[in-house]
């Protein structure tokens, strides 16, 4: 189709799997098995298809038991970061916390 991953997909993929693997996948049109995706860090778990729904529900239940504020802060800190150094990560966490505290008032 002549398309590349949009919405930062090229950067995100290379940050997760490394530049070489990202180029292999995007430039070479590689197709990874589930085991490859797991080994390269693209997915966190591989399960048989007949247990997929139960596994997803288990993850959802586990996340659903967590503190909503802590989840929002963690998601915001991850999503807001613009670079991958400690200083900007700490700034993102501080911004997220201040935002959430202001929202609760």
C-alpha atoms as a PDB file:
ATOM      1  CA  UNK A   1       0.000   0.000   0.000  1.00  0.00           C
ATOM      2  CA  UNK A   2       3.003   2.306   0.295  1.00  0.00           C
ATOM      3  CA  UNK A   3       2.182   3.414   3.848  1.00  0.00           C
ATOM      4  CA  UNK A   4       4.251   3.690   6.996  1.00  0.00           C
ATOM      5  CA  UNK A   5       3.078   3.385  10.613  1.00  0.00           C
ATOM      6  CA  UNK A   6       1.314   6.627  11.496  1.00  0.00           C
ATOM      7  CA  UNK A   7       0.822   8.553  14.743  1.00  0.00           C
ATOM      8  CA  UNK A   8       4.400   8.027  15.893  1.00  0.00           C
ATOM      9  CA  UNK A   9       4.386   4.323  15.120  1.00  0.00           C
ATOM     10  CA  UNK A  10       7.838   4.435  13.558  1.00  0.00           C
ATOM     11  CA  UNK A  11       9.321   5.988  16.699  1.00  0.00           C
ATOM     12  CA  UNK A  12       7.374   3.847  19.129  1.00  0.00           C
ATOM     13  CA  UNK A  13       8.237   0.604  17.385  1.00  0.00           C
ATOM     14  CA  UNK A  14      11.951   1.415  17.258  1.00  0.00           C
ATOM     15  CA  UNK A  15      11.915   2.346  20.949  1.00  0.00           C
ATOM     16  CA  UNK A  16      10.293  -0.954  21.880  1.00  0.00           C
ATOM     17  CA  UNK A  17      12.130  -3.403  19.650  1.00  0.00           C
ATOM     18  CA  UNK A  18      15.225  -1.428  18.659  1.00  0.00           C
ATOM     19  CA  UNK A  19      16.095   0.364  15.452  1.00  0.00           C
ATOM     20  CA  UNK A  20      17.401  -2.716  13.650  1.00  0.00           C
ATOM     21  CA  UNK A  21      14.319  -4.807  14.331  1.00  0.00           C
ATOM     22  CA  UNK A  22      11.998  -1.908  13.470  1.00  0.00           C
ATOM     23  CA  UNK A  23      13.752  -1.476  10.133  1.00  0.00           C
ATOM     24  CA  UNK A  24      13.546  -5.214   9.535  1.00  0.00           C
ATOM     25  CA  UNK A  25       9.812  -5.121  10.074  1.00  0.00           C
ATOM     26  CA  UNK A  26       8.978  -1.827   8.332  1.00  0.00           C
ATOM     27  CA  UNK A  27      11.505  -1.720   5.500  1.00  0.00           C
ATOM     28  CA  UNK A  28      11.726  -5.419   4.803  1.00  0.00           C
ATOM     29  CA  UNK A  29       8.049  -6.131   5.236  1.00  0.00           C
ATOM     30  CA  UNK A  30       8.851  -8.833   7.737  1.00  0.00           C
ATOM     31  CA  UNK A  31       6.148 -10.837   9.406  1.00  0.00           C
ATOM     32  CA  UNK A  32       6.837 -11.892  12.974  1.00  0.00           C
ATOM     33  CA  UNK A  33       5.388 -14.881  14.712  1.00  0.00           C
ATOM     34  CA  UNK A  34       3.798 -14.431  18.122  1.00  0.00           C
ATOM     35  CA  UNK A  35       6.921 -15.940  19.676  1.00  0.00           C
ATOM     36  CA  UNK A  36       9.135 -13.419  17.844  1.00  0.00           C
ATOM     37  CA  UNK A  37       6.929 -10.540  19.007  1.00  0.00           C
ATOM     38  CA  UNK A  38       7.248 -11.817  22.573  1.00  0.00           C
ATOM     39  CA  UNK A  39      11.012 -12.301  22.314  1.00  0.00           C
ATOM     40  CA  UNK A  40      11.496  -8.802  20.863  1.00  0.00           C
ATOM     41  CA  UNK A  41       9.331  -7.165  23.544  1.00  0.00           C
ATOM     42  CA  UNK A  42       6.479  -6.132  21.275  1.00  0.00           C
ATOM     43  CA  UNK A  43       3.933  -8.107  23.302  1.00  0.00           C
ATOM     44  CA  UNK A  44       4.013  -9.087  26.956  1.00  0.00           C
ATOM     45  CA  UNK A  45       2.319 -12.471  26.712  1.00  0.00           C
ATOM     46  CA  UNK A  46       1.346 -15.086  24.139  1.00  0.00           C
ATOM     47  CA  UNK A  47      -1.558 -17.420  24.876  1.00  0.00           C
ATOM     48  CA  UNK A  48      -3.431 -20.059  22.885  1.00  0.00           C
ATOM     49  CA  UNK A  49      -6.398 -18.633  20.991  1.00  0.00           C
ATOM     50  CA  UNK A  50      -8.873 -20.710  22.984  1.00  0.00           C
ATOM     51  CA  UNK A  51      -7.744 -19.003  26.227  1.00  0.00           C
ATOM     52  CA  UNK A  52      -7.356 -15.488  24.819  1.00  0.00           C
ATOM     53  CA  UNK A  53     -10.690 -14.119  26.064  1.00  0.00           C
ATOM     54  CA  UNK A  54     -10.208 -15.518  29.576  1.00  0.00           C
ATOM     55  CA  UNK A  55      -6.683 -14.115  29.704  1.00  0.00           C
ATOM     56  CA  UNK A  56      -7.864 -10.670  28.552  1.00  0.00           C
ATOM     57  CA  UNK A  57     -10.647 -10.719  31.150  1.00  0.00           C
ATOM     58  CA  UNK A  58      -8.113 -11.642  33.844  1.00  0.00           C
ATOM     59  CA  UNK A  59      -5.941  -8.671  32.855  1.00  0.00           C
ATOM     60  CA  UNK A  60      -8.969  -6.385  32.856  1.00  0.00           C
ATOM     61  CA  UNK A  61     -10.049  -7.565  36.295  1.00  0.00           C
ATOM     62  CA  UNK A  62      -6.534  -7.089  37.654  1.00  0.00           C
ATOM     63  CA  UNK A  63      -6.332  -3.556  36.281  1.00  0.00           C
ATOM     64  CA  UNK A  64      -9.888  -2.833  37.462  1.00  0.00           C
ATOM     65  CA  UNK A  65      -8.855  -3.541  41.056  1.00  0.00           C
ATOM     66  CA  UNK A  66      -6.128  -0.899  40.986  1.00  0.00           C
ATOM     67  CA  UNK A  67      -6.570   2.611  42.352  1.00  0.00           C
ATOM     68  CA  UNK A  68      -8.083   4.796  39.602  1.00  0.00           C
ATOM     69  CA  UNK A  69      -5.942   7.814  40.476  1.00  0.00           C
ATOM     70  CA  UNK A  70      -2.740   5.779  40.400  1.00  0.00           C
ATOM     71  CA  UNK A  71      -3.747   4.333  37.030  1.00  0.00           C
ATOM     72  CA  UNK A  72      -4.494   7.779  35.597  1.00  0.00           C
ATOM     73  CA  UNK A  73      -1.198   9.164  36.881  1.00  0.00           C
ATOM     74  CA  UNK A  74       0.788   6.269  35.480  1.00  0.00           C
ATOM     75  CA  UNK A  75      -0.938   6.467  32.100  1.00  0.00           C
ATOM     76  CA  UNK A  76      -0.516  10.232  31.940  1.00  0.00           C
ATOM     77  CA  UNK A  77       3.180  10.033  32.851  1.00  0.00           C
ATOM     78  CA  UNK A  78       3.770   7.413  30.171  1.00  0.00           C
ATOM     79  CA  UNK A  79       1.726   9.223  27.521  1.00  0.00           C
ATOM     80  CA  UNK A  80       3.084  12.717  28.248  1.00  0.00           C
ATOM     81  CA  UNK A  81       6.741  11.949  28.059  1.00  0.00           C
ATOM     82  CA  UNK A  82       8.409  13.515  25.074  1.00  0.00           C
ATOM     83  CA  UNK A  83      11.865  12.070  25.431  1.00  0.00           C
ATOM     84  CA  UNK A  84      13.243   9.086  27.215  1.00  0.00           C
ATOM     85  CA  UNK A  85      15.530  10.469  29.844  1.00  0.00           C
ATOM     86  CA  UNK A  86      15.037  10.535  33.593  1.00  0.00           C
ATOM     87  CA  UNK A  87      14.592  14.301  33.834  1.00  0.00           C
ATOM     88  CA  UNK A  88      11.743  14.518  31.319  1.00  0.00           C
ATOM     89  CA  UNK A  89      10.131  11.434  32.836  1.00  0.00           C
ATOM     90  CA  UNK A  90      10.171  13.059  36.265  1.00  0.00           C
ATOM     91  CA  UNK A  91       8.719  16.264  34.795  1.00  0.00           C
ATOM     92  CA  UNK A  92       5.909  14.244  33.200  1.00  0.00           C
ATOM     93  CA  UNK A  93       5.077  12.572  36.512  1.00  0.00           C
ATOM     94  CA  UNK A  94       5.021  15.944  38.295  1.00  0.00           C
ATOM     95  CA  UNK A  95       2.791  17.471  35.604  1.00  0.00           C
ATOM     96  CA  UNK A  96       0.437  14.497  35.775  1.00  0.00           C
ATOM     97  CA  UNK A  97       0.192  14.674  39.549  1.00  0.00           C
ATOM     98  CA  UNK A  98      -0.476  18.419  39.545  1.00  0.00           C
ATOM     99  CA  UNK A  99      -3.100  17.980  36.830  1.00  0.00           C
ATOM    100  CA  UNK A 100      -4.887  15.228  38.761  1.00  0.00           C
ATOM    101  CA  UNK A 101      -4.810  17.174  41.999  1.00  0.00           C
ATOM    102  CA  UNK A 102      -6.324  20.192  40.262  1.00  0.00           C
ATOM    103  CA  UNK A 103      -9.014  17.978  38.661  1.00  0.00           C
ATOM    104  CA  UNK A 104     -10.026  16.577  42.073  1.00  0.00           C
ATOM    105  CA  UNK A 105     -10.726  20.017  43.544  1.00  0.00           C
END
